[in-house]
């Protein structure tokens, strides 16, 4: 849970810095969110497969 909180806080800080500098994020928000979703889904899939193989 701590890793999620740290990730969220760092993301907000970076977002604020981007906003202050008027810099666009490197990826369109939808594309970035879909990429993150894919990463999380893949991570969970591996955990499920490991549990099934036990």
C-alpha atoms as a PDB file:
ATOM      1  CA  UNK A   1       0.000   0.000   0.000  1.00  0.00           C
ATOM      2  CA  UNK A   2       2.899   2.335   0.761  1.00  0.00           C
ATOM      3  CA  UNK A   3       4.205   1.981  -2.803  1.00  0.00           C
ATOM      4  CA  UNK A   4       0.815   3.050  -4.198  1.00  0.00           C
ATOM      5  CA  UNK A   5       0.722   6.110  -1.970  1.00  0.00           C
ATOM      6  CA  UNK A   6       4.280   7.111  -2.854  1.00  0.00           C
ATOM      7  CA  UNK A   7       3.523   6.640  -6.544  1.00  0.00           C
ATOM      8  CA  UNK A   8       0.402   8.779  -6.289  1.00  0.00           C
ATOM      9  CA  UNK A   9       2.191  11.557  -4.402  1.00  0.00           C
ATOM     10  CA  UNK A  10       5.103  11.617  -6.845  1.00  0.00           C
ATOM     11  CA  UNK A  11       2.667  11.653  -9.765  1.00  0.00           C
ATOM     12  CA  UNK A  12       0.810  14.619  -8.296  1.00  0.00           C
ATOM     13  CA  UNK A  13       4.084  16.469  -7.682  1.00  0.00           C
ATOM     14  CA  UNK A  14       5.213  15.878 -11.261  1.00  0.00           C
ATOM     15  CA  UNK A  15       1.790  16.956 -12.524  1.00  0.00           C
ATOM     16  CA  UNK A  16       2.024  20.187 -10.545  1.00  0.00           C
ATOM     17  CA  UNK A  17       5.523  20.863 -11.914  1.00  0.00           C
ATOM     18  CA  UNK A  18       4.305  20.190 -15.473  1.00  0.00           C
ATOM     19  CA  UNK A  19       1.397  22.559 -14.868  1.00  0.00           C
ATOM     20  CA  UNK A  20       3.610  25.306 -13.488  1.00  0.00           C
ATOM     21  CA  UNK A  21       6.026  24.998 -16.409  1.00  0.00           C
ATOM     22  CA  UNK A  22       3.114  24.693 -18.870  1.00  0.00           C
ATOM     23  CA  UNK A  23       4.643  21.525 -20.283  1.00  0.00           C
ATOM     24  CA  UNK A  24       2.401  18.894 -21.831  1.00  0.00           C
ATOM     25  CA  UNK A  25       2.753  15.367 -20.490  1.00  0.00           C
ATOM     26  CA  UNK A  26       4.892  13.121 -22.718  1.00  0.00           C
ATOM     27  CA  UNK A  27       1.929  10.929 -23.637  1.00  0.00           C
ATOM     28  CA  UNK A  28      -1.736  11.718 -24.130  1.00  0.00           C
ATOM     29  CA  UNK A  29      -3.509  11.028 -20.812  1.00  0.00           C
ATOM     30  CA  UNK A  30      -5.670   8.220 -22.210  1.00  0.00           C
ATOM     31  CA  UNK A  31      -2.681   6.474 -23.761  1.00  0.00           C
ATOM     32  CA  UNK A  32      -0.676   6.790 -20.550  1.00  0.00           C
ATOM     33  CA  UNK A  33      -3.538   5.447 -18.431  1.00  0.00           C
ATOM     34  CA  UNK A  34      -4.098   2.509 -20.768  1.00  0.00           C
ATOM     35  CA  UNK A  35      -0.387   1.690 -20.599  1.00  0.00           C
ATOM     36  CA  UNK A  36      -0.465   1.761 -16.806  1.00  0.00           C
ATOM     37  CA  UNK A  37      -3.602  -0.376 -16.793  1.00  0.00           C
ATOM     38  CA  UNK A  38      -1.870  -2.904 -19.036  1.00  0.00           C
ATOM     39  CA  UNK A  39       1.137  -3.021 -16.733  1.00  0.00           C
ATOM     40  CA  UNK A  40      -1.049  -3.612 -13.678  1.00  0.00           C
ATOM     41  CA  UNK A  41      -3.126  -6.243 -15.458  1.00  0.00           C
ATOM     42  CA  UNK A  42       0.012  -8.079 -16.560  1.00  0.00           C
ATOM     43  CA  UNK A  43       1.416  -7.984 -13.047  1.00  0.00           C
ATOM     44  CA  UNK A  44      -1.814  -9.404 -11.621  1.00  0.00           C
ATOM     45  CA  UNK A  45      -1.974 -12.052 -14.338  1.00  0.00           C
ATOM     46  CA  UNK A  46       1.463 -13.361 -13.366  1.00  0.00           C
ATOM     47  CA  UNK A  47       0.398 -13.522  -9.705  1.00  0.00           C
ATOM     48  CA  UNK A  48      -2.762 -15.461 -10.625  1.00  0.00           C
ATOM     49  CA  UNK A  49      -0.834 -17.878 -12.847  1.00  0.00           C
ATOM     50  CA  UNK A  50       1.737 -18.516 -10.110  1.00  0.00           C
ATOM     51  CA  UNK A  51      -1.036 -19.233  -7.609  1.00  0.00           C
ATOM     52  CA  UNK A  52      -2.730 -21.635 -10.050  1.00  0.00           C
ATOM     53  CA  UNK A  53       0.500 -23.537 -10.645  1.00  0.00           C
ATOM     54  CA  UNK A  54       1.011 -24.130  -6.922  1.00  0.00           C
END
